[in-house]
N, C-alpha and C. Protein backbone atom coordinates (compact mmCIF):
# COMPACT_ATOMS: atom_id res chain seq x y z
N UNK A 1 -14.98 -35.08 -106.35
CA UNK A 1 -15.31 -34.71 -104.96
C UNK A 1 -16.72 -33.91 -105.11
N UNK A 2 -17.64 -34.60 -105.17
CA UNK A 2 -19.12 -34.05 -105.29
C UNK A 2 -19.58 -34.20 -103.88
N UNK A 3 -20.34 -33.38 -103.27
CA UNK A 3 -20.84 -33.17 -102.03
C UNK A 3 -22.26 -32.81 -102.00
N UNK A 4 -22.80 -32.86 -101.03
CA UNK A 4 -24.22 -32.19 -100.68
C UNK A 4 -23.87 -30.85 -100.33
N UNK A 5 -24.28 -30.20 -101.40
CA UNK A 5 -24.29 -28.52 -101.08
C UNK A 5 -25.26 -28.03 -100.02
N UNK A 6 -24.74 -26.91 -99.23
CA UNK A 6 -25.61 -26.52 -98.24
C UNK A 6 -26.85 -25.47 -98.60
N UNK A 7 -27.75 -25.53 -98.06
CA UNK A 7 -28.77 -24.47 -98.60
C UNK A 7 -28.30 -23.17 -98.27
N UNK A 8 -27.88 -22.91 -97.20
CA UNK A 8 -27.42 -21.39 -96.90
C UNK A 8 -26.19 -21.50 -96.64
N UNK A 9 -25.43 -20.30 -97.07
CA UNK A 9 -23.72 -19.95 -96.86
C UNK A 9 -23.57 -18.57 -96.33
N UNK A 10 -22.50 -18.75 -95.39
CA UNK A 10 -21.83 -17.48 -95.03
C UNK A 10 -20.65 -17.20 -95.93
N UNK A 11 -20.68 -16.26 -97.03
CA UNK A 11 -19.58 -16.14 -97.86
C UNK A 11 -18.40 -15.76 -97.22
N UNK A 12 -18.44 -14.74 -96.15
CA UNK A 12 -17.13 -14.28 -95.60
C UNK A 12 -16.62 -15.36 -94.89
N UNK A 13 -17.38 -16.35 -93.91
CA UNK A 13 -16.74 -17.44 -93.41
C UNK A 13 -15.98 -18.55 -94.29
N UNK A 14 -16.80 -18.61 -95.64
CA UNK A 14 -16.14 -19.69 -96.22
C UNK A 14 -14.87 -19.08 -96.80
N UNK A 15 -14.91 -17.73 -97.18
CA UNK A 15 -13.65 -17.13 -97.55
C UNK A 15 -12.12 -17.09 -96.76
N UNK A 16 -12.86 -16.87 -95.33
CA UNK A 16 -11.70 -16.91 -94.46
C UNK A 16 -11.15 -18.37 -94.34
N UNK A 17 -12.06 -19.32 -94.53
CA UNK A 17 -11.57 -20.85 -94.25
C UNK A 17 -11.13 -21.33 -95.53
N UNK A 18 -11.01 -20.54 -96.75
CA UNK A 18 -10.66 -20.96 -97.88
C UNK A 18 -11.39 -22.43 -98.47
N UNK A 19 -12.67 -22.63 -98.10
CA UNK A 19 -13.43 -23.69 -98.71
C UNK A 19 -13.85 -23.53 -100.09
N UNK A 20 -13.98 -24.70 -100.55
CA UNK A 20 -14.35 -25.15 -101.75
C UNK A 20 -15.78 -26.04 -101.71
N UNK A 21 -16.70 -25.45 -102.60
CA UNK A 21 -18.24 -26.27 -102.66
C UNK A 21 -18.11 -26.87 -104.25
N UNK A 22 -18.45 -28.21 -104.20
CA UNK A 22 -18.92 -28.64 -105.49
C UNK A 22 -19.94 -29.62 -105.16
N UNK A 23 -20.93 -29.50 -106.31
CA UNK A 23 -22.18 -30.45 -106.51
C UNK A 23 -23.10 -30.14 -107.35
N UNK A 24 -24.13 -30.67 -107.30
CA UNK A 24 -25.40 -30.12 -108.00
C UNK A 24 -26.52 -29.58 -107.63
N UNK A 25 -27.32 -28.90 -108.32
CA UNK A 25 -28.34 -28.29 -107.78
C UNK A 25 -29.40 -28.34 -108.83
N UNK A 26 -30.78 -28.82 -108.59
CA UNK A 26 -31.63 -28.99 -109.44
C UNK A 26 -32.34 -27.63 -109.99
N UNK A 27 -32.41 -27.49 -111.38
CA UNK A 27 -32.88 -26.28 -111.86
C UNK A 27 -34.37 -25.94 -111.18
N UNK A 28 -35.33 -27.01 -111.12
CA UNK A 28 -36.66 -26.55 -110.78
C UNK A 28 -36.85 -26.04 -109.45
N UNK A 29 -35.67 -25.41 -108.68
CA UNK A 29 -35.42 -24.70 -107.36
C UNK A 29 -35.28 -23.17 -107.76
N UNK A 30 -34.76 -23.12 -108.94
CA UNK A 30 -34.67 -21.64 -109.29
C UNK A 30 -35.85 -20.94 -109.99
N UNK A 31 -36.78 -20.43 -109.23
CA UNK A 31 -37.89 -19.77 -109.87
C UNK A 31 -37.63 -18.64 -110.87
N UNK A 32 -36.84 -17.97 -110.75
CA UNK A 32 -36.74 -16.58 -111.51
C UNK A 32 -35.90 -17.15 -112.75
N UNK A 33 -35.08 -18.10 -112.67
CA UNK A 33 -34.43 -18.61 -113.98
C UNK A 33 -35.82 -19.34 -114.68
N UNK A 34 -36.56 -19.92 -114.10
CA UNK A 34 -37.58 -20.77 -114.77
C UNK A 34 -38.41 -20.12 -115.57
N UNK A 35 -38.68 -18.79 -115.37
CA UNK A 35 -39.38 -17.88 -116.27
C UNK A 35 -38.74 -17.62 -117.63
N UNK A 36 -37.55 -18.07 -117.92
CA UNK A 36 -36.88 -17.75 -119.07
C UNK A 36 -36.73 -19.23 -119.82
N UNK A 37 -36.99 -20.25 -119.28
CA UNK A 37 -36.76 -21.65 -119.65
C UNK A 37 -38.27 -22.48 -120.19
N UNK A 38 -38.28 -23.05 -121.26
CA UNK A 38 -39.25 -23.88 -121.56
C UNK A 38 -39.60 -25.15 -120.51
N UNK A 39 -38.83 -25.64 -119.85
CA UNK A 39 -39.22 -26.67 -118.81
C UNK A 39 -37.81 -26.53 -117.89
N UNK A 40 -38.18 -27.10 -116.64
CA UNK A 40 -36.97 -26.93 -115.36
C UNK A 40 -36.65 -28.30 -115.16
N UNK A 41 -36.37 -29.07 -116.09
CA UNK A 41 -35.77 -30.26 -115.99
C UNK A 41 -34.27 -30.21 -115.89
N UNK A 42 -33.53 -30.98 -115.23
CA UNK A 42 -32.08 -31.05 -115.42
C UNK A 42 -31.30 -30.31 -114.19
N UNK A 43 -30.20 -30.38 -113.88
CA UNK A 43 -29.26 -29.86 -112.81
C UNK A 43 -28.27 -29.07 -113.02
N UNK A 44 -27.54 -28.30 -112.34
CA UNK A 44 -26.59 -27.29 -112.74
C UNK A 44 -25.29 -27.87 -111.96
N UNK A 45 -24.16 -27.94 -112.60
CA UNK A 45 -23.16 -28.52 -111.97
C UNK A 45 -22.52 -27.14 -111.50
N UNK A 46 -22.00 -27.05 -110.05
CA UNK A 46 -21.52 -26.19 -109.33
C UNK A 46 -20.25 -26.64 -108.67
N UNK A 47 -19.29 -25.48 -108.91
CA UNK A 47 -17.95 -25.25 -108.27
C UNK A 47 -17.73 -23.87 -107.71
N UNK A 48 -17.63 -23.82 -106.53
CA UNK A 48 -17.27 -22.71 -105.96
C UNK A 48 -16.20 -22.76 -105.07
N UNK A 49 -15.01 -21.84 -105.49
CA UNK A 49 -13.88 -21.65 -104.43
C UNK A 49 -13.90 -20.59 -103.69
N UNK A 50 -13.91 -20.45 -102.43
CA UNK A 50 -13.89 -19.29 -101.63
C UNK A 50 -12.51 -19.12 -101.10
N UNK A 51 -12.06 -17.60 -101.16
CA UNK A 51 -10.62 -17.59 -100.86
C UNK A 51 -10.49 -16.17 -100.34
N UNK A 52 -9.35 -15.67 -99.92
CA UNK A 52 -9.01 -13.90 -99.77
C UNK A 52 -7.70 -14.12 -100.87
N UNK A 53 -7.71 -12.88 -101.49
CA UNK A 53 -6.71 -12.50 -102.27
C UNK A 53 -5.52 -11.85 -101.40
N UNK A 54 -4.38 -11.54 -102.22
CA UNK A 54 -3.12 -10.92 -101.56
C UNK A 54 -3.62 -9.64 -100.92
N UNK A 55 -4.72 -8.95 -101.47
CA UNK A 55 -5.13 -7.51 -100.85
C UNK A 55 -5.69 -7.93 -99.24
N UNK A 56 -6.02 -9.02 -99.12
CA UNK A 56 -6.86 -9.15 -98.10
C UNK A 56 -8.60 -9.05 -98.37
N UNK A 57 -8.87 -8.93 -99.65
CA UNK A 57 -10.33 -9.00 -100.12
C UNK A 57 -10.62 -10.54 -100.60
N UNK A 58 -11.86 -10.70 -99.73
CA UNK A 58 -12.76 -12.18 -99.75
C UNK A 58 -13.24 -12.16 -101.19
N UNK A 59 -13.23 -13.34 -101.95
CA UNK A 59 -13.61 -13.65 -103.12
C UNK A 59 -14.25 -14.96 -103.38
N UNK A 60 -14.92 -15.01 -104.38
CA UNK A 60 -15.56 -16.46 -104.81
C UNK A 60 -15.33 -16.46 -106.25
N UNK A 61 -14.78 -17.63 -106.71
CA UNK A 61 -14.61 -18.09 -107.95
C UNK A 61 -15.57 -19.02 -108.03
N UNK A 62 -16.67 -18.85 -109.12
CA UNK A 62 -17.57 -19.81 -109.48
C UNK A 62 -18.07 -20.40 -110.64
N UNK A 63 -17.95 -21.51 -110.97
CA UNK A 63 -18.04 -22.16 -112.40
C UNK A 63 -19.37 -23.03 -112.45
N UNK A 64 -20.33 -22.45 -113.15
CA UNK A 64 -21.57 -23.33 -113.16
C UNK A 64 -22.02 -23.79 -114.70
N UNK A 65 -22.29 -25.03 -114.92
CA UNK A 65 -22.69 -25.52 -115.93
C UNK A 65 -24.07 -26.26 -116.18
N UNK A 66 -24.96 -26.17 -117.02
CA UNK A 66 -25.81 -26.80 -117.06
C UNK A 66 -26.53 -26.71 -118.91
N UNK A 67 -27.34 -27.69 -118.84
CA UNK A 67 -27.99 -27.60 -120.54
C UNK A 67 -29.39 -27.41 -119.93
N UNK A 68 -30.01 -26.36 -120.33
CA UNK A 68 -31.16 -26.00 -120.26
C UNK A 68 -31.94 -25.75 -121.65
N UNK A 69 -33.41 -25.70 -121.34
CA UNK A 69 -34.43 -25.71 -122.35
C UNK A 69 -34.95 -24.66 -122.56
N UNK A 70 -34.70 -23.79 -123.65
CA UNK A 70 -35.36 -22.57 -124.21
C UNK A 70 -36.07 -22.64 -125.26
N UNK A 71 -36.92 -21.67 -125.64
CA UNK A 71 -37.67 -21.40 -126.88
C UNK A 71 -36.79 -20.77 -127.71
N UNK A 72 -36.89 -21.33 -128.93
CA UNK A 72 -36.02 -20.74 -129.99
C UNK A 72 -37.02 -19.64 -130.61
N UNK A 73 -36.21 -18.34 -130.71
CA UNK A 73 -36.86 -17.09 -131.02
C UNK A 73 -37.26 -17.28 -132.80
N UNK A 74 -36.72 -18.11 -133.61
CA UNK A 74 -37.14 -18.12 -135.01
C UNK A 74 -38.21 -19.14 -135.24
N UNK A 75 -38.06 -20.18 -134.57
CA UNK A 75 -39.15 -21.45 -135.00
C UNK A 75 -40.29 -21.51 -133.86
N UNK A 76 -39.92 -20.94 -132.57
CA UNK A 76 -40.66 -21.21 -131.36
C UNK A 76 -40.85 -22.62 -130.88
N UNK A 77 -39.93 -23.42 -131.29
CA UNK A 77 -39.89 -24.64 -130.61
C UNK A 77 -38.82 -24.68 -129.59
N UNK A 78 -39.14 -25.76 -128.45
CA UNK A 78 -38.04 -26.14 -127.51
C UNK A 78 -36.68 -26.35 -128.20
N UNK A 79 -35.53 -25.83 -127.48
CA UNK A 79 -34.23 -26.13 -128.00
C UNK A 79 -33.29 -26.25 -126.50
N UNK A 80 -32.23 -26.90 -126.63
CA UNK A 80 -31.33 -27.23 -125.61
C UNK A 80 -30.29 -26.16 -125.66
N UNK A 81 -29.88 -25.46 -124.40
CA UNK A 81 -28.81 -24.44 -124.58
C UNK A 81 -27.72 -24.87 -123.46
N UNK A 82 -26.54 -24.93 -123.91
CA UNK A 82 -25.70 -25.07 -123.09
C UNK A 82 -24.89 -23.82 -122.36
N UNK A 83 -25.26 -23.73 -121.08
CA UNK A 83 -24.95 -22.57 -120.32
C UNK A 83 -23.64 -22.64 -119.49
N UNK A 84 -22.63 -22.06 -119.69
CA UNK A 84 -21.35 -22.43 -119.05
C UNK A 84 -20.80 -20.80 -118.24
N UNK A 85 -20.88 -20.64 -117.05
CA UNK A 85 -20.72 -19.36 -116.47
C UNK A 85 -19.37 -19.49 -115.49
N UNK A 86 -18.46 -18.75 -115.72
CA UNK A 86 -17.15 -18.65 -114.80
C UNK A 86 -17.38 -17.19 -114.33
N UNK A 87 -17.15 -17.12 -113.09
CA UNK A 87 -17.25 -15.59 -112.66
C UNK A 87 -16.43 -15.51 -111.14
N UNK A 88 -15.77 -14.25 -111.09
CA UNK A 88 -15.11 -14.04 -109.83
C UNK A 88 -15.68 -12.82 -109.14
N UNK A 89 -16.50 -13.07 -108.00
CA UNK A 89 -17.10 -11.92 -107.25
C UNK A 89 -16.46 -11.96 -106.02
N UNK A 90 -16.15 -10.41 -105.98
CA UNK A 90 -15.68 -10.06 -104.54
C UNK A 90 -16.49 -9.80 -103.51
N UNK A 91 -16.42 -10.32 -102.30
CA UNK A 91 -17.51 -10.34 -101.46
C UNK A 91 -17.45 -8.99 -100.57
N UNK A 92 -18.24 -7.98 -100.68
CA UNK A 92 -18.29 -6.87 -100.14
C UNK A 92 -19.43 -6.57 -98.98
N UNK A 93 -19.16 -5.67 -97.91
CA UNK A 93 -20.02 -5.61 -96.74
C UNK A 93 -20.96 -4.20 -97.48
N UNK A 94 -20.36 -3.37 -98.18
CA UNK A 94 -21.10 -2.31 -98.65
C UNK A 94 -20.41 -1.84 -100.01
N UNK A 95 -21.52 -0.94 -100.70
CA UNK A 95 -21.03 -0.58 -102.07
C UNK A 95 -20.08 0.71 -102.21
N UNK A 96 -19.65 1.25 -101.09
CA UNK A 96 -18.58 2.05 -101.07
C UNK A 96 -16.96 1.32 -101.51
N UNK A 97 -17.02 0.26 -101.37
CA UNK A 97 -15.95 -0.29 -101.91
C UNK A 97 -15.79 -0.79 -103.41
N UNK A 98 -17.13 -0.71 -104.16
CA UNK A 98 -16.88 -1.21 -105.37
C UNK A 98 -16.10 -0.47 -106.33
N UNK A 99 -15.81 0.80 -105.97
CA UNK A 99 -15.11 1.65 -106.96
C UNK A 99 -13.73 1.23 -107.04
N UNK A 100 -13.03 0.82 -105.90
CA UNK A 100 -11.65 0.30 -106.02
C UNK A 100 -11.46 -1.09 -106.17
N UNK A 101 -12.57 -1.87 -106.68
CA UNK A 101 -12.28 -2.96 -107.03
C UNK A 101 -11.62 -3.42 -108.41
N UNK A 102 -10.46 -4.54 -108.35
CA UNK A 102 -9.71 -4.68 -109.54
C UNK A 102 -11.01 -5.38 -110.71
N UNK A 103 -10.44 -4.99 -111.67
CA UNK A 103 -11.13 -5.14 -112.82
C UNK A 103 -11.63 -6.77 -113.20
N UNK A 104 -10.88 -7.68 -112.55
CA UNK A 104 -11.22 -9.03 -112.48
C UNK A 104 -12.65 -9.34 -111.73
N UNK A 105 -12.69 -8.51 -110.61
CA UNK A 105 -14.16 -8.99 -109.99
C UNK A 105 -15.03 -8.21 -110.50
N UNK A 106 -16.35 -8.94 -110.12
CA UNK A 106 -17.72 -8.32 -110.25
C UNK A 106 -17.90 -8.36 -108.40
N UNK A 107 -18.74 -7.30 -108.09
CA UNK A 107 -19.07 -7.11 -106.71
C UNK A 107 -20.22 -7.79 -106.42
N UNK A 108 -20.10 -8.42 -105.42
CA UNK A 108 -21.21 -9.09 -104.43
C UNK A 108 -21.30 -8.41 -102.98
N UNK A 109 -22.68 -7.85 -103.00
CA UNK A 109 -22.57 -7.01 -101.85
C UNK A 109 -23.32 -7.76 -100.92
N UNK A 110 -22.92 -8.25 -99.54
CA UNK A 110 -23.53 -9.05 -98.63
C UNK A 110 -23.38 -7.86 -97.43
N UNK A 111 -24.84 -7.16 -97.24
CA UNK A 111 -24.85 -6.09 -96.04
C UNK A 111 -24.96 -6.59 -95.03
N UNK A 112 -26.05 -7.84 -94.88
CA UNK A 112 -26.40 -8.10 -93.65
C UNK A 112 -25.65 -9.44 -93.44
N UNK A 113 -25.34 -9.85 -92.05
CA UNK A 113 -24.78 -11.27 -91.80
C UNK A 113 -25.73 -12.18 -91.70
N UNK A 114 -26.97 -12.16 -92.35
CA UNK A 114 -27.55 -13.40 -92.66
C UNK A 114 -27.02 -14.28 -93.53
N UNK A 115 -27.35 -15.48 -93.40
CA UNK A 115 -26.98 -16.45 -94.40
C UNK A 115 -27.61 -16.34 -95.73
N UNK A 116 -26.83 -16.59 -96.68
CA UNK A 116 -27.14 -16.54 -98.29
C UNK A 116 -27.83 -17.72 -98.80
N UNK A 117 -28.70 -17.66 -99.41
CA UNK A 117 -29.41 -18.94 -100.19
C UNK A 117 -28.32 -19.13 -101.52
N UNK A 118 -27.57 -20.32 -101.15
CA UNK A 118 -26.59 -20.74 -102.26
C UNK A 118 -27.01 -20.98 -103.72
N UNK A 119 -28.64 -21.25 -103.73
CA UNK A 119 -29.24 -21.45 -105.28
C UNK A 119 -29.46 -20.14 -105.80
N UNK A 120 -29.52 -18.88 -104.89
CA UNK A 120 -29.67 -17.69 -105.48
C UNK A 120 -28.50 -17.13 -105.96
N UNK A 121 -27.47 -17.36 -105.68
CA UNK A 121 -26.33 -16.81 -106.21
C UNK A 121 -25.92 -17.58 -107.57
N UNK A 122 -26.28 -18.98 -107.45
CA UNK A 122 -26.00 -19.74 -108.79
C UNK A 122 -27.00 -19.12 -109.79
N UNK A 123 -28.44 -18.81 -109.46
CA UNK A 123 -29.39 -18.61 -110.35
C UNK A 123 -28.91 -17.14 -110.95
N UNK A 124 -28.61 -16.33 -110.19
CA UNK A 124 -28.19 -15.19 -110.57
C UNK A 124 -27.34 -15.10 -111.67
N UNK A 125 -26.04 -15.78 -111.65
CA UNK A 125 -25.23 -16.08 -112.61
C UNK A 125 -25.68 -16.84 -113.94
N UNK A 126 -26.43 -17.65 -113.73
CA UNK A 126 -27.13 -18.41 -114.87
C UNK A 126 -27.86 -17.49 -115.74
N UNK A 127 -28.79 -17.01 -114.96
CA UNK A 127 -29.62 -15.66 -115.66
C UNK A 127 -28.77 -14.72 -116.46
N UNK A 128 -27.52 -14.23 -115.79
CA UNK A 128 -26.68 -13.40 -116.81
C UNK A 128 -26.02 -13.98 -117.74
N UNK A 129 -26.06 -15.49 -117.74
CA UNK A 129 -25.18 -16.33 -118.71
C UNK A 129 -26.26 -16.72 -120.00
N UNK A 130 -27.41 -16.52 -119.99
CA UNK A 130 -28.50 -17.04 -120.83
C UNK A 130 -28.29 -16.16 -121.99
N UNK A 131 -28.52 -16.61 -123.26
CA UNK A 131 -28.36 -15.99 -124.32
C UNK A 131 -29.75 -15.04 -124.63
N UNK A 132 -29.58 -13.60 -125.06
CA UNK A 132 -30.43 -12.81 -125.17
C UNK A 132 -31.48 -13.20 -126.19
N UNK A 133 -31.27 -13.75 -127.27
CA UNK A 133 -31.80 -14.20 -128.14
C UNK A 133 -31.55 -15.52 -128.52
N UNK A 134 -32.38 -16.66 -127.95
CA UNK A 134 -32.14 -18.28 -128.10
C UNK A 134 -32.54 -18.43 -129.53
N UNK A 135 -31.71 -19.10 -130.18
CA UNK A 135 -32.12 -19.56 -131.70
C UNK A 135 -31.18 -21.09 -131.99
N UNK A 136 -31.70 -21.71 -132.84
CA UNK A 136 -30.86 -22.76 -133.19
C UNK A 136 -29.78 -22.39 -133.90
N UNK A 137 -28.74 -23.12 -134.02
CA UNK A 137 -27.46 -22.87 -134.93
C UNK A 137 -27.79 -23.12 -136.48
N UNK A 138 -28.59 -24.10 -136.66
CA UNK A 138 -28.95 -24.33 -138.01
C UNK A 138 -30.30 -23.69 -138.54
N UNK A 139 -30.55 -23.67 -139.78
CA UNK A 139 -31.65 -23.12 -140.16
C UNK A 139 -32.80 -23.66 -139.80
N UNK A 140 -33.75 -23.41 -138.83
CA UNK A 140 -34.88 -24.18 -138.24
C UNK A 140 -36.17 -23.77 -138.87
N UNK A 141 -36.33 -22.61 -139.70
CA UNK A 141 -37.43 -22.29 -140.44
C UNK A 141 -37.24 -22.87 -141.74
N UNK A 142 -38.30 -23.24 -142.40
CA UNK A 142 -38.35 -23.84 -143.63
C UNK A 142 -38.24 -22.67 -144.68
N UNK A 143 -37.72 -22.96 -145.84
CA UNK A 143 -37.43 -22.02 -146.94
C UNK A 143 -38.51 -20.98 -147.11
N UNK A 144 -39.52 -21.45 -147.22
CA UNK A 144 -40.91 -20.67 -147.69
C UNK A 144 -41.24 -19.52 -146.66
N UNK A 145 -40.74 -19.57 -145.36
CA UNK A 145 -40.83 -18.95 -144.33
C UNK A 145 -39.90 -17.64 -144.44
N UNK A 146 -38.88 -17.64 -144.95
CA UNK A 146 -38.04 -16.66 -145.14
C UNK A 146 -38.35 -15.77 -146.39
N UNK A 147 -38.51 -14.42 -146.18
CA UNK A 147 -38.90 -13.42 -147.20
C UNK A 147 -38.02 -12.33 -147.27
N UNK A 148 -37.32 -12.40 -148.36
CA UNK A 148 -36.42 -11.30 -148.60
C UNK A 148 -37.03 -9.88 -149.39
N UNK A 149 -37.89 -10.08 -150.21
CA UNK A 149 -38.58 -8.90 -150.82
C UNK A 149 -38.08 -8.96 -152.57
N UNK A 150 -37.13 -9.84 -152.88
CA UNK A 150 -36.61 -9.85 -154.10
C UNK A 150 -37.94 -10.42 -155.22
N UNK A 151 -38.89 -11.16 -154.83
CA UNK A 151 -39.76 -11.77 -155.81
C UNK A 151 -40.91 -10.60 -155.99
N UNK A 152 -41.08 -9.46 -155.78
CA UNK A 152 -42.21 -8.31 -155.59
C UNK A 152 -41.99 -7.95 -157.57
N UNK A 153 -43.38 -8.04 -157.55
CA UNK A 153 -43.72 -7.50 -158.95
C UNK A 153 -43.30 -6.04 -159.34
N UNK A 154 -43.12 -5.67 -160.20
CA UNK A 154 -42.84 -4.22 -160.65
C UNK A 154 -44.35 -3.52 -160.48
N UNK A 155 -45.64 -4.07 -160.57
CA UNK A 155 -46.86 -3.54 -160.63
C UNK A 155 -46.93 -3.24 -159.07
N UNK A 156 -46.45 -4.39 -158.23
CA UNK A 156 -46.85 -4.13 -156.87
C UNK A 156 -45.98 -2.89 -156.33
N UNK A 157 -44.90 -2.62 -156.96
CA UNK A 157 -44.16 -1.48 -156.06
C UNK A 157 -44.80 -0.33 -156.10
N UNK A 158 -44.92 0.38 -155.15
CA UNK A 158 -45.32 1.74 -155.10
C UNK A 158 -44.62 2.76 -155.86
N UNK A 159 -45.09 3.71 -156.45
CA UNK A 159 -44.25 4.83 -157.03
C UNK A 159 -43.85 5.55 -156.16
N UNK A 160 -42.54 5.97 -155.81
CA UNK A 160 -42.00 6.68 -154.77
C UNK A 160 -42.40 8.33 -155.22
N UNK A 161 -42.77 8.79 -154.43
CA UNK A 161 -43.23 10.42 -154.39
C UNK A 161 -42.11 11.22 -153.95
N UNK A 162 -41.67 11.90 -154.69
CA UNK A 162 -40.51 12.95 -154.19
C UNK A 162 -41.22 13.95 -153.48
N UNK A 163 -40.98 14.34 -152.26
CA UNK A 163 -41.49 15.34 -151.31
C UNK A 163 -41.40 16.63 -152.12
N UNK A 164 -40.58 16.86 -153.05
CA UNK A 164 -40.47 18.07 -153.90
C UNK A 164 -41.36 18.48 -154.86
N UNK A 165 -42.04 17.36 -155.14
CA UNK A 165 -43.19 17.48 -156.51
C UNK A 165 -44.13 18.69 -156.06
N UNK A 166 -44.42 18.65 -154.81
CA UNK A 166 -45.57 19.26 -154.44
C UNK A 166 -44.86 21.06 -154.74
N UNK A 167 -43.61 21.30 -154.26
CA UNK A 167 -42.90 22.48 -154.66
C UNK A 167 -42.89 22.96 -155.79
N UNK A 168 -42.54 21.84 -156.74
CA UNK A 168 -42.49 22.15 -158.21
C UNK A 168 -43.70 22.72 -158.83
N UNK A 169 -44.89 21.94 -158.28
CA UNK A 169 -46.31 22.11 -158.83
C UNK A 169 -46.55 23.79 -158.36
N UNK A 170 -46.20 23.93 -157.31
CA UNK A 170 -46.42 25.38 -156.76
C UNK A 170 -45.73 26.39 -157.56
N UNK A 171 -44.44 26.07 -158.18
CA UNK A 171 -43.77 26.96 -158.84
C UNK A 171 -44.33 27.15 -160.33
N UNK A 172 -44.91 25.85 -160.92
CA UNK A 172 -45.54 26.05 -162.03
C UNK A 172 -46.89 26.82 -162.15
N UNK A 173 -47.35 27.18 -161.12
CA UNK A 173 -48.76 27.64 -160.96
C UNK A 173 -48.53 29.23 -161.22
N UNK A 174 -47.39 29.79 -161.06
CA UNK A 174 -46.99 31.21 -161.10
C UNK A 174 -47.40 31.95 -162.23
């Protein structure tokens, strides 16, 4: 059930009606996310279920999946990263209700009745789902690049000087 996703949404209205949105968004439209990527090719698969829980709290369950291109921090070459994010966002009108929120939910504060850009919500969750230090699973550097320090000659090692040697020399001068 893929449909064309709306550009703007009213999360409260969607939750009251129990609607489901499913489709794809181009990664190229997400400018803040693009700053962490090596290129903006591809799409994000979006599944969003809006509803109201048994306590009357409107929420959104989202599942976002994409294959993104990032730079490996070890070898500095582009690599593909699978990002799969699942979230439960409680839709709140102000920050006062955050404290009483069930542990299942993260707060989504919508203070104004202006429509929300759908891609910004997806972008926020994808940014949170990115690895902090992207790197290949395999050893991507050549063996010569790894240095453990085991092969240092004894002549190259510095003689460790005790900080108390100065005190010992003062004692001998008496």
